[in-house]
C-alpha cells in the first residue's frame, strides 16, 4: 500500500514553467489524438499540484511537466495499440466502461504495479497509475493491453447499469476466439451432415455462471477460465467436426440419416454436467432432439477433442 500525500500548495517557478511548456502547451494535442484513437471526445484532467509531492529528486521536481507528458503520451500510444488489437467492439467496451471519457494520472495506492498500470475509477475516469517508488520510470507501460483489459474487467459499474452476465475478459474471449472463428466449424459440420440449418449453442452465460460461482473456485483455473471461455467451447465443437469427418459422415448417407433423425432439432449444444454418462473427460449424448457436448467442472477444458469419439454409438 502507498500512502497518499497531500497536494502541494504551490509549485516553484522553474516547475511551473516546465509544466506550462512541456505539458499544458501539448495537452490539447494529446486530447485530440486520444479522441481520434477511441472514436469519441476524450479530455485529460491532471492536477500537477497533486502529482508534485511524489517527485522526490531534483529532476522530477524540475521536469514535472515533461514527466506528465511522457505518461500521457505513452498511454495514448498504447491505447491506440489496444484499439487496433481489440477492434471496434473492444473500443466500444472501453468507452462504455470508462464512461466519463476522462484520462487522468493518479497514485497506485494498492501497490499493484512495480512501475505503472491503470484502473477505471469511480465516476468512470480512466487513470494512469504510478508507483511512487518508481515515479517517472517506464512511463509507457501503463496502458498495455493486458492491463487495460484487467482494469475494464474489474471496473465499477456505471450508475443505473445492470451488471453484465459475462465479464469483460470473458466477452472479449467470446468475441475474438468464438464469434470470429466458429462459422467455418459450423459450416463443416453442416456439410458433413448435408444439413444447412445446423446450429451450435455455446450457452456462454450459463457456463460462465458455473465457472465463476464462488463455491466452484477450487475446481476451476481461476487465472484462465475467463480468457479461455470462447476458445475452449470452440475447441469442443471443433472436436465434434473432426470426429464426424474422420468417421466419414460426409460420404455415408446412413450416418447422415441416423444423425438427422436422432438430432431432429439440428442443435449441437455445450453444457457442464455433474457426472458423465460413459466417458472420462467429455462426451456427446442425445436428449430431446439435441446433441449435447458435455463435460464436468473438474474436467472442463481437458481433452476437448475427445467428446465425439463415440458419436455413432449415441445415434
C-alpha atoms as a PDB file:
ATOM      1  CA  UNK A   1       0.000   0.000   0.000  1.00  0.00           C
ATOM      2  CA  UNK A   2       1.209   3.514  -0.781  1.00  0.00           C
ATOM      3  CA  UNK A   3       0.296   6.491   1.349  1.00  0.00           C
ATOM      4  CA  UNK A   4      -1.457   9.303  -0.484  1.00  0.00           C
ATOM      5  CA  UNK A   5       0.337  12.604   0.091  1.00  0.00           C
ATOM      6  CA  UNK A   6      -1.435  15.963   0.362  1.00  0.00           C
ATOM      7  CA  UNK A   7      -1.135  18.100  -2.773  1.00  0.00           C
ATOM      8  CA  UNK A   8       1.461  20.841  -2.945  1.00  0.00           C
ATOM      9  CA  UNK A   9       0.195  24.323  -2.182  1.00  0.00           C
ATOM     10  CA  UNK A  10       2.347  25.900  -4.852  1.00  0.00           C
ATOM     11  CA  UNK A  11       4.931  24.961  -7.489  1.00  0.00           C
ATOM     12  CA  UNK A  12       8.285  26.644  -7.845  1.00  0.00           C
ATOM     13  CA  UNK A  13       8.781  28.959 -10.790  1.00  0.00           C
ATOM     14  CA  UNK A  14      11.038  26.532 -12.644  1.00  0.00           C
ATOM     15  CA  UNK A  15       8.486  23.727 -12.159  1.00  0.00           C
ATOM     16  CA  UNK A  16       5.551  25.906 -13.244  1.00  0.00           C
ATOM     17  CA  UNK A  17       7.451  26.865 -16.372  1.00  0.00           C
ATOM     18  CA  UNK A  18       8.199  23.235 -17.164  1.00  0.00           C
ATOM     19  CA  UNK A  19       4.549  22.288 -16.648  1.00  0.00           C
ATOM     20  CA  UNK A  20       3.450  25.123 -18.930  1.00  0.00           C
ATOM     21  CA  UNK A  21       5.993  24.446 -21.678  1.00  0.00           C
ATOM     22  CA  UNK A  22       6.175  20.647 -21.596  1.00  0.00           C
ATOM     23  CA  UNK A  23       2.631  19.680 -20.619  1.00  0.00           C
ATOM     24  CA  UNK A  24      -0.028  22.370 -20.804  1.00  0.00           C
ATOM     25  CA  UNK A  25       1.093  23.503 -24.277  1.00  0.00           C
ATOM     26  CA  UNK A  26       0.711  19.909 -25.513  1.00  0.00           C
ATOM     27  CA  UNK A  27      -2.421  18.844 -23.668  1.00  0.00           C
ATOM     28  CA  UNK A  28      -4.895  19.852 -26.385  1.00  0.00           C
ATOM     29  CA  UNK A  29      -2.980  17.888 -28.998  1.00  0.00           C
ATOM     30  CA  UNK A  30      -2.935  14.833 -26.715  1.00  0.00           C
ATOM     31  CA  UNK A  31      -6.704  15.100 -26.198  1.00  0.00           C
ATOM     32  CA  UNK A  32      -7.206  15.260 -29.959  1.00  0.00           C
ATOM     33  CA  UNK A  33      -5.039  12.188 -30.555  1.00  0.00           C
ATOM     34  CA  UNK A  34      -6.784  10.222 -27.804  1.00  0.00           C
ATOM     35  CA  UNK A  35     -10.225  11.144 -29.110  1.00  0.00           C
ATOM     36  CA  UNK A  36      -9.266  10.085 -32.636  1.00  0.00           C
ATOM     37  CA  UNK A  37      -7.974   6.716 -31.446  1.00  0.00           C
ATOM     38  CA  UNK A  38     -11.055   5.979 -29.332  1.00  0.00           C
ATOM     39  CA  UNK A  39     -13.675   7.420 -31.658  1.00  0.00           C
ATOM     40  CA  UNK A  40     -15.362   9.767 -29.164  1.00  0.00           C
ATOM     41  CA  UNK A  41     -14.331  13.008 -27.467  1.00  0.00           C
ATOM     42  CA  UNK A  42     -11.979  12.444 -24.517  1.00  0.00           C
ATOM     43  CA  UNK A  43     -10.446  15.004 -22.188  1.00  0.00           C
ATOM     44  CA  UNK A  44      -7.377  14.839 -19.936  1.00  0.00           C
ATOM     45  CA  UNK A  45      -7.620  16.046 -16.338  1.00  0.00           C
ATOM     46  CA  UNK A  46      -4.376  16.021 -14.348  1.00  0.00           C
ATOM     47  CA  UNK A  47      -3.587  18.199 -11.348  1.00  0.00           C
ATOM     48  CA  UNK A  48       0.175  18.903 -11.198  1.00  0.00           C
ATOM     49  CA  UNK A  49      -0.152  20.036  -7.579  1.00  0.00           C
ATOM     50  CA  UNK A  50      -1.396  16.549  -6.646  1.00  0.00           C
ATOM     51  CA  UNK A  51       1.431  14.846  -8.561  1.00  0.00           C
ATOM     52  CA  UNK A  52       4.332  17.040  -7.458  1.00  0.00           C
ATOM     53  CA  UNK A  53       4.790  15.550  -3.927  1.00  0.00           C
ATOM     54  CA  UNK A  54       5.806  12.209  -5.473  1.00  0.00           C
ATOM     55  CA  UNK A  55       8.681  13.774  -7.381  1.00  0.00           C
ATOM     56  CA  UNK A  56      11.415  13.101  -4.837  1.00  0.00           C
ATOM     57  CA  UNK A  57      14.582  14.071  -6.763  1.00  0.00           C
ATOM     58  CA  UNK A  58      15.675  17.289  -8.404  1.00  0.00           C
ATOM     59  CA  UNK A  59      14.996  16.013 -11.915  1.00  0.00           C
ATOM     60  CA  UNK A  60      11.453  15.023 -11.007  1.00  0.00           C
ATOM     61  CA  UNK A  61      10.763  18.323  -9.321  1.00  0.00           C
ATOM     62  CA  UNK A  62      12.083  20.491 -12.156  1.00  0.00           C
ATOM     63  CA  UNK A  63      10.776  18.318 -15.009  1.00  0.00           C
ATOM     64  CA  UNK A  64       7.250  17.645 -13.762  1.00  0.00           C
ATOM     65  CA  UNK A  65       5.594  18.820 -16.985  1.00  0.00           C
ATOM     66  CA  UNK A  66       7.843  16.616 -19.085  1.00  0.00           C
ATOM     67  CA  UNK A  67       7.074  13.606 -16.885  1.00  0.00           C
ATOM     68  CA  UNK A  68       3.313  14.171 -17.050  1.00  0.00           C
ATOM     69  CA  UNK A  69       3.528  14.488 -20.814  1.00  0.00           C
ATOM     70  CA  UNK A  70       5.545  11.267 -21.056  1.00  0.00           C
ATOM     71  CA  UNK A  71       2.954   9.346 -19.026  1.00  0.00           C
ATOM     72  CA  UNK A  72       0.122  10.654 -21.198  1.00  0.00           C
ATOM     73  CA  UNK A  73       1.983  10.204 -24.468  1.00  0.00           C
ATOM     74  CA  UNK A  74       2.752   6.595 -23.584  1.00  0.00           C
ATOM     75  CA  UNK A  75      -0.844   5.964 -22.546  1.00  0.00           C
ATOM     76  CA  UNK A  76      -2.283   7.471 -25.731  1.00  0.00           C
ATOM     77  CA  UNK A  77       0.103   5.437 -27.887  1.00  0.00           C
ATOM     78  CA  UNK A  78      -0.749   2.170 -26.115  1.00  0.00           C
ATOM     79  CA  UNK A  79      -4.489   2.881 -26.214  1.00  0.00           C
ATOM     80  CA  UNK A  80      -4.113   3.240 -29.965  1.00  0.00           C
ATOM     81  CA  UNK A  81      -2.452  -0.177 -29.997  1.00  0.00           C
ATOM     82  CA  UNK A  82      -5.300  -1.527 -27.829  1.00  0.00           C
ATOM     83  CA  UNK A  83      -7.842  -0.148 -30.296  1.00  0.00           C
ATOM     84  CA  UNK A  84      -6.045  -1.805 -33.192  1.00  0.00           C
ATOM     85  CA  UNK A  85      -5.897  -5.153 -31.424  1.00  0.00           C
ATOM     86  CA  UNK A  86      -9.402  -5.154 -29.957  1.00  0.00           C
ATOM     87  CA  UNK A  87     -11.201  -3.525 -32.854  1.00  0.00           C
ATOM     88  CA  UNK A  88     -14.469  -1.627 -32.819  1.00  0.00           C
ATOM     89  CA  UNK A  89     -16.081  -3.882 -30.214  1.00  0.00           C
ATOM     90  CA  UNK A  90     -13.171  -3.547 -27.807  1.00  0.00           C
ATOM     91  CA  UNK A  91     -13.095   0.222 -28.160  1.00  0.00           C
ATOM     92  CA  UNK A  92     -16.853   0.335 -27.584  1.00  0.00           C
ATOM     93  CA  UNK A  93     -16.370  -1.672 -24.378  1.00  0.00           C
ATOM     94  CA  UNK A  94     -13.692   0.760 -23.196  1.00  0.00           C
ATOM     95  CA  UNK A  95     -15.804   3.820 -23.959  1.00  0.00           C
ATOM     96  CA  UNK A  96     -18.814   2.275 -22.238  1.00  0.00           C
ATOM     97  CA  UNK A  97     -16.997   1.206 -19.077  1.00  0.00           C
ATOM     98  CA  UNK A  98     -14.813   4.329 -18.788  1.00  0.00           C
ATOM     99  CA  UNK A  99     -17.935   6.341 -19.483  1.00  0.00           C
ATOM    100  CA  UNK A 100     -16.641   9.737 -18.301  1.00  0.00           C
ATOM    101  CA  UNK A 101     -14.151   9.714 -21.205  1.00  0.00           C
ATOM    102  CA  UNK A 102     -11.551  11.369 -18.986  1.00  0.00           C
ATOM    103  CA  UNK A 103      -7.916  10.321 -18.709  1.00  0.00           C
ATOM    104  CA  UNK A 104      -6.092  11.192 -15.503  1.00  0.00           C
ATOM    105  CA  UNK A 105      -2.871  10.431 -13.630  1.00  0.00           C
ATOM    106  CA  UNK A 106      -3.008   9.117 -10.081  1.00  0.00           C
ATOM    107  CA  UNK A 107      -1.194   7.238  -7.339  1.00  0.00           C
ATOM    108  CA  UNK A 108      -1.256   3.432  -7.329  1.00  0.00           C
ATOM    109  CA  UNK A 109      -2.446   3.249  -3.728  1.00  0.00           C
ATOM    110  CA  UNK A 110      -2.834  -0.535  -3.781  1.00  0.00           C
ATOM    111  CA  UNK A 111       0.733  -1.007  -4.995  1.00  0.00           C
ATOM    112  CA  UNK A 112      -0.293  -3.487  -7.682  1.00  0.00           C
ATOM    113  CA  UNK A 113       2.250  -2.272 -10.230  1.00  0.00           C
ATOM    114  CA  UNK A 114       6.034  -2.172  -9.979  1.00  0.00           C
ATOM    115  CA  UNK A 115       6.167   0.848 -12.271  1.00  0.00           C
ATOM    116  CA  UNK A 116       2.721   1.845 -13.541  1.00  0.00           C
ATOM    117  CA  UNK A 117      -0.652   0.490 -14.571  1.00  0.00           C
ATOM    118  CA  UNK A 118      -4.227   1.663 -14.924  1.00  0.00           C
ATOM    119  CA  UNK A 119      -7.703   1.428 -13.457  1.00  0.00           C
ATOM    120  CA  UNK A 120     -11.218   2.690 -14.048  1.00  0.00           C
ATOM    121  CA  UNK A 121     -12.106   4.802 -11.034  1.00  0.00           C
ATOM    122  CA  UNK A 122     -15.460   5.711  -9.553  1.00  0.00           C
ATOM    123  CA  UNK A 123     -17.125   8.139 -11.906  1.00  0.00           C
ATOM    124  CA  UNK A 124     -15.868   6.265 -14.983  1.00  0.00           C
ATOM    125  CA  UNK A 125     -12.478   8.003 -15.217  1.00  0.00           C
ATOM    126  CA  UNK A 126      -9.589   6.059 -16.750  1.00  0.00           C
ATOM    127  CA  UNK A 127      -6.493   6.580 -14.603  1.00  0.00           C
ATOM    128  CA  UNK A 128      -2.808   6.072 -15.334  1.00  0.00           C
ATOM    129  CA  UNK A 129      -1.415   4.739 -12.052  1.00  0.00           C
ATOM    130  CA  UNK A 130       2.182   5.248 -10.958  1.00  0.00           C
ATOM    131  CA  UNK A 131       4.124   3.531  -8.221  1.00  0.00           C
ATOM    132  CA  UNK A 132       5.661   6.339  -6.131  1.00  0.00           C
ATOM    133  CA  UNK A 133       8.869   4.322  -5.669  1.00  0.00           C
ATOM    134  CA  UNK A 134       9.394   4.442  -9.434  1.00  0.00           C
ATOM    135  CA  UNK A 135       7.819   7.768 -10.339  1.00  0.00           C
ATOM    136  CA  UNK A 136       8.723   8.727 -13.893  1.00  0.00           C
ATOM    137  CA  UNK A 137      10.185   5.286 -14.749  1.00  0.00           C
ATOM    138  CA  UNK A 138       8.904   3.129 -17.644  1.00  0.00           C
ATOM    139  CA  UNK A 139       6.163   5.650 -18.248  1.00  0.00           C
ATOM    140  CA  UNK A 140       4.889   3.997 -21.445  1.00  0.00           C
ATOM    141  CA  UNK A 141       3.724   0.763 -19.761  1.00  0.00           C
ATOM    142  CA  UNK A 142       0.529   1.921 -18.077  1.00  0.00           C
ATOM    143  CA  UNK A 143      -1.918   1.041 -20.850  1.00  0.00           C
ATOM    144  CA  UNK A 144      -0.528  -2.270 -22.045  1.00  0.00           C
ATOM    145  CA  UNK A 145      -3.314  -4.423 -23.446  1.00  0.00           C
ATOM    146  CA  UNK A 146      -3.472  -6.907 -20.562  1.00  0.00           C
ATOM    147  CA  UNK A 147      -3.535  -4.084 -18.014  1.00  0.00           C
ATOM    148  CA  UNK A 148      -6.365  -2.276 -19.804  1.00  0.00           C
ATOM    149  CA  UNK A 149      -8.421  -5.466 -20.090  1.00  0.00           C
ATOM    150  CA  UNK A 150      -7.893  -6.207 -16.394  1.00  0.00           C
ATOM    151  CA  UNK A 151      -8.876  -2.648 -15.479  1.00  0.00           C
ATOM    152  CA  UNK A 152     -12.049  -2.793 -17.553  1.00  0.00           C
ATOM    153  CA  UNK A 153     -12.834  -6.236 -16.184  1.00  0.00           C
ATOM    154  CA  UNK A 154     -12.769  -5.033 -12.563  1.00  0.00           C
ATOM    155  CA  UNK A 155     -14.281  -1.579 -13.147  1.00  0.00           C
ATOM    156  CA  UNK A 156     -17.184  -0.368 -11.015  1.00  0.00           C
ATOM    157  CA  UNK A 157     -20.490  -0.430 -12.929  1.00  0.00           C
ATOM    158  CA  UNK A 158     -21.894   2.715 -14.463  1.00  0.00           C
ATOM    159  CA  UNK A 159     -24.747   4.293 -12.476  1.00  0.00           C
ATOM    160  CA  UNK A 160     -28.018   2.543 -13.242  1.00  0.00           C
ATOM    161  CA  UNK A 161     -26.374  -0.121 -15.375  1.00  0.00           C
ATOM    162  CA  UNK A 162     -27.238  -3.776 -14.938  1.00  0.00           C
ATOM    163  CA  UNK A 163     -24.207  -5.925 -14.274  1.00  0.00           C
ATOM    164  CA  UNK A 164     -23.089  -7.849 -17.383  1.00  0.00           C
ATOM    165  CA  UNK A 165     -23.658 -11.595 -17.362  1.00  0.00           C
ATOM    166  CA  UNK A 166     -20.141 -12.118 -18.701  1.00  0.00           C
ATOM    167  CA  UNK A 167     -17.056 -10.297 -17.504  1.00  0.00           C
ATOM    168  CA  UNK A 168     -15.191  -8.048 -19.937  1.00  0.00           C
ATOM    169  CA  UNK A 169     -12.392 -10.593 -20.344  1.00  0.00           C
ATOM    170  CA  UNK A 170     -14.923 -13.360 -20.978  1.00  0.00           C
ATOM    171  CA  UNK A 171     -16.790 -11.218 -23.506  1.00  0.00           C
ATOM    172  CA  UNK A 172     -13.518 -10.439 -25.244  1.00  0.00           C
ATOM    173  CA  UNK A 173     -12.671 -14.135 -25.401  1.00  0.00           C
ATOM    174  CA  UNK A 174     -16.083 -14.949 -26.848  1.00  0.00           C
ATOM    175  CA  UNK A 175     -15.742 -12.225 -29.450  1.00  0.00           C
ATOM    176  CA  UNK A 176     -12.195 -12.989 -30.583  1.00  0.00           C
ATOM    177  CA  UNK A 177     -11.944 -16.741 -30.041  1.00  0.00           C
ATOM    178  CA  UNK A 178     -15.507 -17.844 -30.806  1.00  0.00           C
ATOM    179  CA  UNK A 179     -17.638 -15.368 -32.713  1.00  0.00           C
ATOM    180  CA  UNK A 180     -14.901 -14.580 -35.228  1.00  0.00           C
ATOM    181  CA  UNK A 181     -13.875 -18.218 -35.771  1.00  0.00           C
ATOM    182  CA  UNK A 182     -16.865 -20.511 -35.264  1.00  0.00           C
ATOM    183  CA  UNK A 183     -18.671 -20.256 -38.617  1.00  0.00           C
ATOM    184  CA  UNK A 184     -16.181 -22.430 -40.581  1.00  0.00           C
ATOM    185  CA  UNK A 185     -16.646 -25.143 -37.931  1.00  0.00           C
ATOM    186  CA  UNK A 186     -20.430 -24.926 -38.086  1.00  0.00           C
ATOM    187  CA  UNK A 187     -20.317 -24.912 -41.875  1.00  0.00           C
ATOM    188  CA  UNK A 188     -18.079 -28.000 -41.890  1.00  0.00           C
ATOM    189  CA  UNK A 189     -20.499 -29.908 -39.638  1.00  0.00           C
ATOM    190  CA  UNK A 190     -23.441 -28.797 -41.790  1.00  0.00           C
ATOM    191  CA  UNK A 191     -21.687 -30.051 -44.921  1.00  0.00           C
ATOM    192  CA  UNK A 192     -20.788 -33.373 -43.312  1.00  0.00           C
ATOM    193  CA  UNK A 193     -24.452 -33.835 -42.384  1.00  0.00           C
ATOM    194  CA  UNK A 194     -25.867 -32.434 -45.636  1.00  0.00           C
ATOM    195  CA  UNK A 195     -27.956 -30.167 -43.440  1.00  0.00           C
ATOM    196  CA  UNK A 196     -27.582 -26.397 -43.739  1.00  0.00           C
ATOM    197  CA  UNK A 197     -29.670 -25.500 -40.673  1.00  0.00           C
ATOM    198  CA  UNK A 198     -27.273 -26.958 -38.076  1.00  0.00           C
ATOM    199  CA  UNK A 199     -26.947 -24.629 -35.085  1.00  0.00           C
ATOM    200  CA  UNK A 200     -24.280 -24.514 -32.378  1.00  0.00           C
ATOM    201  CA  UNK A 201     -25.349 -23.349 -28.930  1.00  0.00           C
ATOM    202  CA  UNK A 202     -22.394 -22.487 -26.662  1.00  0.00           C
ATOM    203  CA  UNK A 203     -24.545 -21.352 -23.704  1.00  0.00           C
ATOM    204  CA  UNK A 204     -21.841 -18.934 -22.610  1.00  0.00           C
ATOM    205  CA  UNK A 205     -23.819 -17.225 -19.862  1.00  0.00           C
ATOM    206  CA  UNK A 206     -24.749 -20.485 -18.158  1.00  0.00           C
ATOM    207  CA  UNK A 207     -21.218 -21.849 -18.471  1.00  0.00           C
ATOM    208  CA  UNK A 208     -19.683 -18.629 -17.159  1.00  0.00           C
ATOM    209  CA  UNK A 209     -22.068 -18.551 -14.205  1.00  0.00           C
ATOM    210  CA  UNK A 210     -20.980 -22.081 -13.298  1.00  0.00           C
ATOM    211  CA  UNK A 211     -17.267 -21.383 -13.731  1.00  0.00           C
ATOM    212  CA  UNK A 212     -17.390 -18.139 -11.748  1.00  0.00           C
ATOM    213  CA  UNK A 213     -19.575 -19.383  -8.886  1.00  0.00           C
ATOM    214  CA  UNK A 214     -17.721 -18.900  -5.564  1.00  0.00           C
ATOM    215  CA  UNK A 215     -18.440 -22.457  -4.487  1.00  0.00           C
ATOM    216  CA  UNK A 216     -16.608 -23.746  -7.578  1.00  0.00           C
ATOM    217  CA  UNK A 217     -13.471 -21.651  -7.120  1.00  0.00           C
ATOM    218  CA  UNK A 218     -11.338 -24.633  -6.089  1.00  0.00           C
ATOM    219  CA  UNK A 219     -12.356 -26.621  -9.171  1.00  0.00           C
ATOM    220  CA  UNK A 220     -11.509 -24.169 -11.956  1.00  0.00           C
ATOM    221  CA  UNK A 221      -8.392 -22.467 -13.257  1.00  0.00           C
ATOM    222  CA  UNK A 222      -9.209 -19.021 -11.913  1.00  0.00           C
ATOM    223  CA  UNK A 223      -6.424 -17.356 -13.925  1.00  0.00           C
ATOM    224  CA  UNK A 224      -7.669 -18.635 -17.279  1.00  0.00           C
ATOM    225  CA  UNK A 225     -11.351 -19.537 -17.260  1.00  0.00           C
ATOM    226  CA  UNK A 226     -12.387 -16.049 -18.391  1.00  0.00           C
ATOM    227  CA  UNK A 227      -9.661 -15.705 -21.027  1.00  0.00           C
ATOM    228  CA  UNK A 228     -10.264 -19.187 -22.432  1.00  0.00           C
ATOM    229  CA  UNK A 229     -14.076 -19.229 -22.452  1.00  0.00           C
ATOM    230  CA  UNK A 230     -14.516 -18.686 -26.188  1.00  0.00           C
ATOM    231  CA  UNK A 231     -11.507 -20.790 -27.118  1.00  0.00           C
ATOM    232  CA  UNK A 232     -12.416 -23.873 -25.087  1.00  0.00           C
ATOM    233  CA  UNK A 233     -16.011 -24.065 -26.241  1.00  0.00           C
ATOM    234  CA  UNK A 234     -14.942 -23.514 -29.844  1.00  0.00           C
ATOM    235  CA  UNK A 235     -12.495 -26.409 -29.409  1.00  0.00           C
ATOM    236  CA  UNK A 236     -15.265 -28.709 -28.153  1.00  0.00           C
ATOM    237  CA  UNK A 237     -17.304 -28.009 -31.291  1.00  0.00           C
ATOM    238  CA  UNK A 238     -14.214 -28.360 -33.479  1.00  0.00           C
ATOM    239  CA  UNK A 239     -13.676 -31.790 -31.931  1.00  0.00           C
ATOM    240  CA  UNK A 240     -17.187 -32.780 -32.987  1.00  0.00           C
ATOM    241  CA  UNK A 241     -16.430 -31.700 -36.551  1.00  0.00           C
ATOM    242  CA  UNK A 242     -13.140 -33.626 -36.516  1.00  0.00           C
ATOM    243  CA  UNK A 243     -14.708 -36.910 -35.421  1.00  0.00           C
ATOM    244  CA  UNK A 244     -17.632 -36.590 -37.815  1.00  0.00           C
ATOM    245  CA  UNK A 245     -15.126 -36.127 -40.602  1.00  0.00           C
ATOM    246  CA  UNK A 246     -12.848 -38.975 -39.502  1.00  0.00           C
ATOM    247  CA  UNK A 247     -15.857 -41.306 -39.147  1.00  0.00           C
ATOM    248  CA  UNK A 248     -16.930 -40.477 -42.727  1.00  0.00           C
ATOM    249  CA  UNK A 249     -20.247 -38.754 -42.063  1.00  0.00           C
ATOM    250  CA  UNK A 250     -19.719 -36.687 -45.204  1.00  0.00           C
ATOM    251  CA  UNK A 251     -19.806 -39.726 -47.503  1.00  0.00           C
ATOM    252  CA  UNK A 252     -22.177 -42.047 -45.642  1.00  0.00           C
ATOM    253  CA  UNK A 253     -25.886 -41.473 -46.207  1.00  0.00           C
ATOM    254  CA  UNK A 254     -26.775 -43.854 -43.391  1.00  0.00           C
ATOM    255  CA  UNK A 255     -24.756 -41.887 -40.822  1.00  0.00           C
ATOM    256  CA  UNK A 256     -26.244 -38.636 -42.023  1.00  0.00           C
ATOM    257  CA  UNK A 257     -29.754 -40.037 -41.821  1.00  0.00           C
ATOM    258  CA  UNK A 258     -29.123 -41.518 -38.378  1.00  0.00           C
ATOM    259  CA  UNK A 259     -27.864 -38.207 -37.025  1.00  0.00           C
ATOM    260  CA  UNK A 260     -30.622 -36.122 -38.548  1.00  0.00           C
ATOM    261  CA  UNK A 261     -33.303 -38.438 -37.227  1.00  0.00           C
ATOM    262  CA  UNK A 262     -31.869 -38.536 -33.699  1.00  0.00           C
ATOM    263  CA  UNK A 263     -30.901 -34.858 -33.591  1.00  0.00           C
ATOM    264  CA  UNK A 264     -34.104 -33.683 -35.202  1.00  0.00           C
ATOM    265  CA  UNK A 265     -33.775 -30.114 -33.882  1.00  0.00           C
ATOM    266  CA  UNK A 266     -30.437 -29.698 -35.645  1.00  0.00           C
ATOM    267  CA  UNK A 267     -28.856 -28.249 -32.486  1.00  0.00           C
ATOM    268  CA  UNK A 268     -25.447 -29.122 -31.033  1.00  0.00           C
ATOM    269  CA  UNK A 269     -25.167 -27.574 -27.581  1.00  0.00           C
ATOM    270  CA  UNK A 270     -22.482 -27.401 -24.905  1.00  0.00           C
ATOM    271  CA  UNK A 271     -23.059 -27.871 -21.195  1.00  0.00           C
ATOM    272  CA  UNK A 272     -21.357 -28.737 -17.921  1.00  0.00           C
ATOM    273  CA  UNK A 273     -22.918 -31.625 -16.004  1.00  0.00           C
ATOM    274  CA  UNK A 274     -22.347 -33.171 -12.588  1.00  0.00           C
ATOM    275  CA  UNK A 275     -21.449 -36.598 -13.941  1.00  0.00           C
ATOM    276  CA  UNK A 276     -20.584 -38.065 -17.338  1.00  0.00           C
ATOM    277  CA  UNK A 277     -22.549 -40.992 -18.747  1.00  0.00           C
ATOM    278  CA  UNK A 278     -19.734 -43.064 -20.220  1.00  0.00           C
ATOM    279  CA  UNK A 279     -16.547 -41.084 -20.908  1.00  0.00           C
ATOM    280  CA  UNK A 280     -13.635 -39.868 -18.790  1.00  0.00           C
ATOM    281  CA  UNK A 281     -13.230 -36.270 -19.943  1.00  0.00           C
ATOM    282  CA  UNK A 282     -16.097 -35.265 -22.250  1.00  0.00           C
ATOM    283  CA  UNK A 283     -18.761 -36.903 -24.362  1.00  0.00           C
ATOM    284  CA  UNK A 284     -21.811 -36.423 -26.549  1.00  0.00           C
ATOM    285  CA  UNK A 285     -25.342 -37.533 -25.702  1.00  0.00           C
ATOM    286  CA  UNK A 286     -28.652 -37.064 -27.477  1.00  0.00           C
ATOM    287  CA  UNK A 287     -31.567 -35.670 -25.495  1.00  0.00           C
ATOM    288  CA  UNK A 288     -34.869 -34.343 -26.833  1.00  0.00           C
ATOM    289  CA  UNK A 289     -33.593 -33.983 -30.390  1.00  0.00           C
ATOM    290  CA  UNK A 290     -30.429 -32.083 -29.376  1.00  0.00           C
ATOM    291  CA  UNK A 291     -26.835 -33.332 -29.368  1.00  0.00           C
ATOM    292  CA  UNK A 292     -25.177 -32.215 -26.126  1.00  0.00           C
ATOM    293  CA  UNK A 293     -21.429 -31.920 -25.885  1.00  0.00           C
ATOM    294  CA  UNK A 294     -20.787 -32.192 -22.179  1.00  0.00           C
ATOM    295  CA  UNK A 295     -18.069 -32.319 -19.564  1.00  0.00           C
ATOM    296  CA  UNK A 296     -17.778 -31.953 -15.813  1.00  0.00           C
ATOM    297  CA  UNK A 297     -16.482 -28.939 -13.955  1.00  0.00           C
ATOM    298  CA  UNK A 298     -13.228 -30.593 -12.939  1.00  0.00           C
ATOM    299  CA  UNK A 299     -12.565 -31.831 -16.496  1.00  0.00           C
ATOM    300  CA  UNK A 300     -13.601 -28.640 -18.283  1.00  0.00           C
ATOM    301  CA  UNK A 301     -11.050 -27.687 -20.925  1.00  0.00           C
ATOM    302  CA  UNK A 302      -9.243 -31.052 -20.801  1.00  0.00           C
ATOM    303  CA  UNK A 303      -9.003 -33.216 -23.941  1.00  0.00           C
ATOM    304  CA  UNK A 304     -11.680 -31.145 -25.629  1.00  0.00           C
ATOM    305  CA  UNK A 305     -11.399 -33.086 -28.909  1.00  0.00           C
ATOM    306  CA  UNK A 306     -12.447 -36.381 -27.288  1.00  0.00           C
ATOM    307  CA  UNK A 307     -16.142 -35.601 -26.898  1.00  0.00           C
ATOM    308  CA  UNK A 308     -17.451 -37.058 -30.165  1.00  0.00           C
ATOM    309  CA  UNK A 309     -15.247 -40.179 -30.342  1.00  0.00           C
ATOM    310  CA  UNK A 310     -18.316 -42.387 -29.802  1.00  0.00           C
ATOM    311  CA  UNK A 311     -20.867 -40.257 -31.589  1.00  0.00           C
ATOM    312  CA  UNK A 312     -22.125 -43.121 -33.754  1.00  0.00           C
ATOM    313  CA  UNK A 313     -22.927 -45.166 -30.633  1.00  0.00           C
ATOM    314  CA  UNK A 314     -25.215 -42.343 -29.433  1.00  0.00           C
ATOM    315  CA  UNK A 315     -27.370 -42.119 -32.546  1.00  0.00           C
END
